[in-house]
């Protein structure tokens, strides 16, 4: 598994979208072309030696040679957004990896896009992609008040009649269960926003016939009911190496000690850089990326956080 390239980006424009939301336009610092990407993709901004944060790419003008991200500055957050607010002014340089896409627009008969607050950022490109495919869709956009809702005027103007706005300060409530119950079979649901919203959507889509059709985007580590860590063995098939993963180490760390090179950026199961194919064994998924259906199939795992399921003493991985 090769290491992912890291590139330098220059901030070429910055604007305040809302009182706590900053939009950054980024270009390659050396003038080379940036990789193309598809709706749902994100990049990892490397804000310090051990501080990496993921941000969805916002689809701007067609054919644009720059990348655009929108950052919610969280006063009580983990520190990344405050560093961006302080340091990433116009002409500042920031390291980045990606783009990477674990939230792609999968073929469907129709779509329901649900955005909570800053979660609208990947949805703009998704709505346009659904339009390009000629597939029916609606966007439910939730926020505390209109002044805090980035791109609200833009999406309402671009997609008249297809954006349902729910503003809690105006007494509007989005009934998740009713919205899901009213969907036609085959409608795919995409949701990005606060954990409470995504948990509600996941619960409403938990029926076996609905589960394969829900897609969630987490950029913070998701709380999981984890069992106690125990030691297990991994066979790295591509490297033909077998090694022990101690209880106090991740698979990624143990692989690194054995000389098996695996990219790993966030180390908390949110970026997807360490996604690895599972060849044999049962996995306890602890990441915030895979869909419920992908967790059931266990075709891949994020080896920075996920482990062998209790009772499974050996995993075979494509490492």
Protein backbone atom coordinates (compact mmCIF):
# COMPACT_ATOMS: atom_id res chain seq x y z
CA UNK A 1 0.00 0.00 0.00
CA UNK A 2 1.66 3.23 -1.15
CA UNK A 3 1.83 6.45 0.80
CA UNK A 4 -0.59 9.12 -0.40
CA UNK A 5 0.97 12.28 -1.88
CA UNK A 6 0.92 15.45 0.20
CA UNK A 7 0.66 18.75 -1.69
CA UNK A 8 1.01 22.40 -0.73
CA UNK A 9 -2.01 24.64 -1.26
CA UNK A 10 -2.20 28.41 -1.28
CA UNK A 11 -5.20 30.33 0.01
CA UNK A 12 -6.22 32.50 -2.95
CA UNK A 13 -9.49 33.82 -1.53
CA UNK A 14 -11.27 33.88 1.80
CA UNK A 15 -14.74 35.10 2.70
CA UNK A 16 -17.07 35.03 5.67
CA UNK A 17 -20.18 33.04 4.74
CA UNK A 18 -21.85 33.38 8.15
CA UNK A 19 -20.79 34.62 11.60
CA UNK A 20 -18.87 31.40 12.33
CA UNK A 21 -18.29 29.97 8.84
CA UNK A 22 -15.26 30.75 6.67
CA UNK A 23 -14.95 29.82 3.00
CA UNK A 24 -11.46 29.19 1.65
CA UNK A 25 -10.51 28.94 -2.02
CA UNK A 26 -7.34 26.91 -2.46
CA UNK A 27 -4.96 26.54 -5.40
CA UNK A 28 -1.83 24.46 -5.89
CA UNK A 29 1.11 26.40 -4.46
CA UNK A 30 3.39 25.40 -7.33
CA UNK A 31 0.85 26.11 -10.06
CA UNK A 32 0.26 22.49 -11.05
CA UNK A 33 -3.25 21.26 -11.74
CA UNK A 34 -5.22 19.91 -8.80
CA UNK A 35 -6.74 16.44 -9.12
CA UNK A 36 -10.33 16.22 -10.28
CA UNK A 37 -12.92 15.04 -7.79
CA UNK A 38 -16.54 13.93 -7.63
CA UNK A 39 -19.42 15.07 -5.41
CA UNK A 40 -19.01 13.87 -1.84
CA UNK A 41 -15.20 14.04 -1.80
CA UNK A 42 -13.17 15.63 0.98
CA UNK A 43 -9.59 16.71 1.56
CA UNK A 44 -7.42 16.49 4.68
CA UNK A 45 -5.87 19.78 5.77
CA UNK A 46 -2.65 19.20 7.73
CA UNK A 47 -2.74 21.99 10.28
CA UNK A 48 0.15 20.79 12.43
CA UNK A 49 2.44 17.83 13.01
CA UNK A 50 -0.34 15.78 14.57
CA UNK A 51 -3.38 17.86 13.65
CA UNK A 52 -5.25 16.80 10.52
CA UNK A 53 -8.87 17.72 9.80
CA UNK A 54 -11.23 16.66 7.00
CA UNK A 55 -13.36 19.12 5.00
CA UNK A 56 -15.83 18.40 2.22
CA UNK A 57 -15.10 20.02 -1.10
CA UNK A 58 -17.73 22.51 -2.23
CA UNK A 59 -18.56 22.40 -5.92
CA UNK A 60 -18.04 25.93 -7.22
CA UNK A 61 -17.97 27.11 -10.82
CA UNK A 62 -17.81 24.39 -13.51
CA UNK A 63 -14.26 23.85 -14.69
CA UNK A 64 -12.76 25.67 -11.72
CA UNK A 65 -9.05 25.00 -11.18
CA UNK A 66 -9.26 25.63 -7.44
CA UNK A 67 -10.72 23.77 -4.46
CA UNK A 68 -13.25 25.34 -2.09
CA UNK A 69 -13.97 24.33 1.50
CA UNK A 70 -16.22 25.88 4.14
CA UNK A 71 -15.08 25.71 7.77
CA UNK A 72 -17.30 26.03 10.83
CA UNK A 73 -15.22 27.72 13.53
CA UNK A 74 -16.10 25.87 16.72
CA UNK A 75 -15.27 27.69 19.94
CA UNK A 76 -15.60 24.45 21.90
CA UNK A 77 -14.14 22.23 19.20
CA UNK A 78 -10.88 20.29 19.04
CA UNK A 79 -8.78 23.25 17.88
CA UNK A 80 -8.47 22.74 14.13
CA UNK A 81 -11.04 25.31 13.06
CA UNK A 82 -9.60 27.94 15.41
CA UNK A 83 -6.18 27.47 13.79
CA UNK A 84 -7.73 27.88 10.36
CA UNK A 85 -9.50 31.06 11.45
CA UNK A 86 -6.24 32.48 12.79
CA UNK A 87 -3.65 31.29 10.30
CA UNK A 88 -5.22 30.63 6.90
CA UNK A 89 -5.42 34.13 5.50
CA UNK A 90 -4.99 34.92 1.80
CA UNK A 91 -1.56 33.73 0.53
CA UNK A 92 -1.06 31.35 3.46
CA UNK A 93 0.24 27.88 2.60
CA UNK A 94 -1.30 24.70 3.98
CA UNK A 95 -0.43 21.06 3.38
CA UNK A 96 -3.17 18.76 2.12
CA UNK A 97 -3.82 15.18 1.12
CA UNK A 98 -6.70 13.78 -0.87
CA UNK A 99 -9.19 14.23 -2.38
CA UNK A 100 -10.79 11.05 -1.07
CA UNK A 101 -14.41 9.99 -1.43
CA UNK A 102 -16.27 7.72 0.98
CA UNK A 103 -19.55 9.55 0.33
CA UNK A 104 -20.10 9.14 -3.43
CA UNK A 105 -23.43 9.57 -5.19
CA UNK A 106 -24.48 5.99 -5.91
CA UNK A 107 -26.97 5.25 -8.69
CA UNK A 108 -30.57 5.38 -7.47
CA UNK A 109 -34.13 5.91 -8.61
CA UNK A 110 -34.36 9.04 -6.43
CA UNK A 111 -32.50 10.82 -3.62
CA UNK A 112 -33.24 12.58 -0.35
CA UNK A 113 -30.34 14.78 0.77
CA UNK A 114 -30.44 15.88 4.42
CA UNK A 115 -28.05 18.63 5.54
CA UNK A 116 -27.66 19.96 9.05
CA UNK A 117 -25.75 23.24 9.27
CA UNK A 118 -22.27 23.01 7.74
CA UNK A 119 -23.26 19.54 6.47
CA UNK A 120 -24.67 21.29 3.41
CA UNK A 121 -21.20 21.57 1.88
CA UNK A 122 -21.07 18.17 0.11
CA UNK A 123 -24.76 18.34 -0.76
CA UNK A 124 -24.40 21.19 -3.28
CA UNK A 125 -22.40 19.01 -5.66
CA UNK A 126 -24.68 16.04 -4.95
CA UNK A 127 -27.79 17.99 -5.95
CA UNK A 128 -26.10 19.04 -9.18
CA UNK A 129 -24.96 15.49 -9.84
CA UNK A 130 -28.53 14.20 -9.38
CA UNK A 131 -29.65 16.88 -11.84
CA UNK A 132 -27.02 15.81 -14.35
CA UNK A 133 -28.29 12.24 -14.06
CA UNK A 134 -31.90 13.35 -14.50
CA UNK A 135 -32.94 11.65 -11.23
CA UNK A 136 -35.61 13.11 -8.89
CA UNK A 137 -34.29 14.51 -5.62
CA UNK A 138 -35.04 16.82 -2.71
CA UNK A 139 -32.82 18.59 -0.21
CA UNK A 140 -33.85 19.10 3.43
CA UNK A 141 -31.64 21.84 4.91
CA UNK A 142 -31.78 22.27 8.70
CA UNK A 143 -30.31 25.08 10.80
CA UNK A 144 -30.72 27.14 13.96
CA UNK A 145 -31.43 30.39 12.11
CA UNK A 146 -31.06 31.62 8.56
CA UNK A 147 -28.03 33.82 9.30
CA UNK A 148 -25.98 30.75 10.28
CA UNK A 149 -26.93 28.62 7.25
CA UNK A 150 -24.13 28.74 4.67
CA UNK A 151 -25.11 28.83 0.99
CA UNK A 152 -28.83 28.99 1.86
CA UNK A 153 -29.65 31.76 -0.61
CA UNK A 154 -27.57 30.10 -3.31
CA UNK A 155 -29.24 26.68 -3.10
CA UNK A 156 -32.73 28.17 -2.89
CA UNK A 157 -32.07 30.27 -5.99
CA UNK A 158 -30.40 27.48 -7.97
CA UNK A 159 -32.93 24.77 -7.07
CA UNK A 160 -36.32 26.47 -6.71
CA UNK A 161 -39.05 24.20 -5.35
CA UNK A 162 -36.69 21.37 -4.39
CA UNK A 163 -35.14 22.70 -1.16
CA UNK A 164 -37.10 22.30 2.08
CA UNK A 165 -35.73 24.64 4.74
CA UNK A 166 -36.22 23.93 8.45
CA UNK A 167 -35.18 26.78 10.76
CA UNK A 168 -35.51 25.89 14.44
CA UNK A 169 -35.60 29.53 15.61
CA UNK A 170 -38.70 29.97 13.44
CA UNK A 171 -40.41 26.97 15.00
CA UNK A 172 -39.81 24.62 12.06
CA UNK A 173 -39.11 20.95 12.82
CA UNK A 174 -37.91 18.25 10.48
CA UNK A 175 -39.75 15.02 11.22
CA UNK A 176 -37.13 12.41 10.35
CA UNK A 177 -39.32 9.36 10.79
CA UNK A 178 -42.17 10.81 8.72
CA UNK A 179 -39.79 11.90 5.96
CA UNK A 180 -38.21 8.45 5.76
CA UNK A 181 -41.56 6.64 5.92
CA UNK A 182 -42.83 8.68 2.96
CA UNK A 183 -39.96 7.69 0.68
CA UNK A 184 -40.41 5.42 -2.31
CA UNK A 185 -38.54 2.13 -2.29
CA UNK A 186 -35.13 2.60 -3.88
CA UNK A 187 -34.64 6.17 -2.65
CA UNK A 188 -31.14 6.70 -1.34
CA UNK A 189 -30.76 8.96 1.69
CA UNK A 190 -27.60 11.03 2.17
CA UNK A 191 -27.07 12.88 5.44
CA UNK A 192 -24.31 15.11 6.79
CA UNK A 193 -24.59 17.24 9.90
CA UNK A 194 -24.64 17.02 13.69
CA UNK A 195 -24.35 13.56 15.24
CA UNK A 196 -27.85 13.78 16.69
CA UNK A 197 -29.31 14.30 13.23
CA UNK A 198 -27.32 11.48 11.66
CA UNK A 199 -28.14 9.10 14.50
CA UNK A 200 -31.83 9.86 13.93
CA UNK A 201 -31.56 9.22 10.20
CA UNK A 202 -29.63 5.99 10.76
CA UNK A 203 -32.26 4.79 13.24
CA UNK A 204 -35.11 5.64 10.85
CA UNK A 205 -33.33 3.74 8.05
CA UNK A 206 -32.48 0.68 10.18
CA UNK A 207 -35.12 -1.65 8.68
CA UNK A 208 -33.49 -4.38 6.53
CA UNK A 209 -35.08 -3.07 3.33
CA UNK A 210 -33.90 0.50 4.05
CA UNK A 211 -30.45 -0.09 5.53
CA UNK A 212 -28.57 -0.47 2.22
CA UNK A 213 -29.87 2.92 1.09
CA UNK A 214 -28.50 5.21 3.85
CA UNK A 215 -25.21 7.10 3.50
CA UNK A 216 -23.72 9.20 6.31
CA UNK A 217 -20.70 11.50 6.45
CA UNK A 218 -18.92 11.84 9.82
CA UNK A 219 -15.95 14.14 10.38
CA UNK A 220 -15.73 13.61 14.13
CA UNK A 221 -15.06 10.26 15.78
CA UNK A 222 -18.36 8.48 16.27
CA UNK A 223 -19.14 7.13 19.72
CA UNK A 224 -19.30 3.35 19.60
CA UNK A 225 -19.96 0.58 22.09
CA UNK A 226 -16.54 -0.97 22.09
CA UNK A 227 -15.45 -4.15 23.77
CA UNK A 228 -12.18 -4.24 25.73
CA UNK A 229 -9.10 -4.50 23.53
CA UNK A 230 -7.51 -7.94 23.36
CA UNK A 231 -4.50 -9.27 21.50
CA UNK A 232 -5.00 -10.90 18.08
CA UNK A 233 -3.00 -11.87 15.02
CA UNK A 234 -2.97 -10.32 11.55
CA UNK A 235 -1.72 -11.99 8.39
CA UNK A 236 -0.68 -9.30 5.89
CA UNK A 237 -1.27 -11.26 2.69
CA UNK A 238 0.33 -8.86 0.19
CA UNK A 239 3.50 -8.69 2.30
CA UNK A 240 3.37 -12.34 3.42
CA UNK A 241 3.96 -11.30 7.04
CA UNK A 242 2.09 -12.44 10.15
CA UNK A 243 2.27 -10.32 13.27
CA UNK A 244 0.61 -9.87 16.66
CA UNK A 245 -1.50 -6.80 17.44
CA UNK A 246 -1.17 -6.16 21.19
CA UNK A 247 -4.14 -4.87 23.17
CA UNK A 248 -2.56 -1.42 23.47
CA UNK A 249 -1.72 -1.00 19.76
CA UNK A 250 -3.75 -0.49 16.60
CA UNK A 251 -3.34 -2.70 13.55
CA UNK A 252 -1.78 0.26 11.77
CA UNK A 253 0.83 0.73 14.53
CA UNK A 254 1.65 -2.97 14.67
CA UNK A 255 1.98 -3.13 10.87
CA UNK A 256 4.34 -0.15 10.92
CA UNK A 257 6.60 -1.89 13.44
CA UNK A 258 6.79 -4.84 11.02
CA UNK A 259 7.79 -2.57 8.12
CA UNK A 260 4.41 -2.74 6.37
CA UNK A 261 3.81 0.80 5.08
CA UNK A 262 0.24 1.97 5.51
CA UNK A 263 -0.94 5.57 5.04
CA UNK A 264 -2.66 6.94 8.12
CA UNK A 265 -3.62 10.56 8.55
CA UNK A 266 -6.31 11.13 11.17
CA UNK A 267 -5.63 8.05 13.37
CA UNK A 268 -9.23 8.24 14.61
CA UNK A 269 -11.26 6.58 11.86
CA UNK A 270 -12.55 9.69 10.11
CA UNK A 271 -10.39 10.28 7.00
CA UNK A 272 -10.31 6.85 5.33
CA UNK A 273 -6.64 6.93 4.32
CA UNK A 274 -5.93 3.58 6.00
CA UNK A 275 -8.91 1.69 4.52
CA UNK A 276 -7.83 -1.91 3.98
CA UNK A 277 -9.49 -4.88 2.30
CA UNK A 278 -10.50 -7.71 4.64
CA UNK A 279 -9.76 -11.16 3.22
CA UNK A 280 -10.78 -13.32 6.18
CA UNK A 281 -12.00 -12.83 9.73
CA UNK A 282 -14.60 -10.87 11.68
CA UNK A 283 -14.20 -7.14 12.33
CA UNK A 284 -15.31 -4.86 15.13
CA UNK A 285 -15.77 -1.59 13.23
CA UNK A 286 -14.94 1.53 15.22
CA UNK A 287 -14.61 4.03 12.38
CA UNK A 288 -16.90 6.92 11.47
CA UNK A 289 -16.84 6.31 7.70
CA UNK A 290 -18.36 3.01 6.62
CA UNK A 291 -22.10 2.83 6.05
CA UNK A 292 -24.19 0.42 8.14
CA UNK A 293 -24.41 -1.87 5.13
CA UNK A 294 -20.65 -1.76 4.57
CA UNK A 295 -20.11 -2.66 8.22
CA UNK A 296 -22.28 -5.72 7.80
CA UNK A 297 -20.40 -6.86 4.71
CA UNK A 298 -16.96 -6.12 6.27
CA UNK A 299 -15.24 -6.02 2.89
CA UNK A 300 -12.94 -3.28 4.23
CA UNK A 301 -11.91 -1.80 7.56
CA UNK A 302 -10.09 1.27 8.92
CA UNK A 303 -7.06 -0.23 10.61
CA UNK A 304 -6.21 2.86 12.67
CA UNK A 305 -9.12 2.14 15.04
CA UNK A 306 -11.02 -1.04 14.10
CA UNK A 307 -10.00 -4.43 15.43
CA UNK A 308 -10.81 -8.12 15.31
CA UNK A 309 -14.24 -8.86 16.73
CA UNK A 310 -14.18 -10.51 20.19
CA UNK A 311 -13.71 -14.23 19.67
CA UNK A 312 -11.87 -13.76 16.36
CA UNK A 313 -8.18 -14.37 16.98
CA UNK A 314 -6.87 -13.83 13.43
CA UNK A 315 -7.56 -11.44 10.55
CA UNK A 316 -6.25 -11.78 7.03
CA UNK A 317 -5.83 -8.35 5.40
CA UNK A 318 -4.69 -7.09 2.03
CA UNK A 319 -1.59 -5.35 3.38
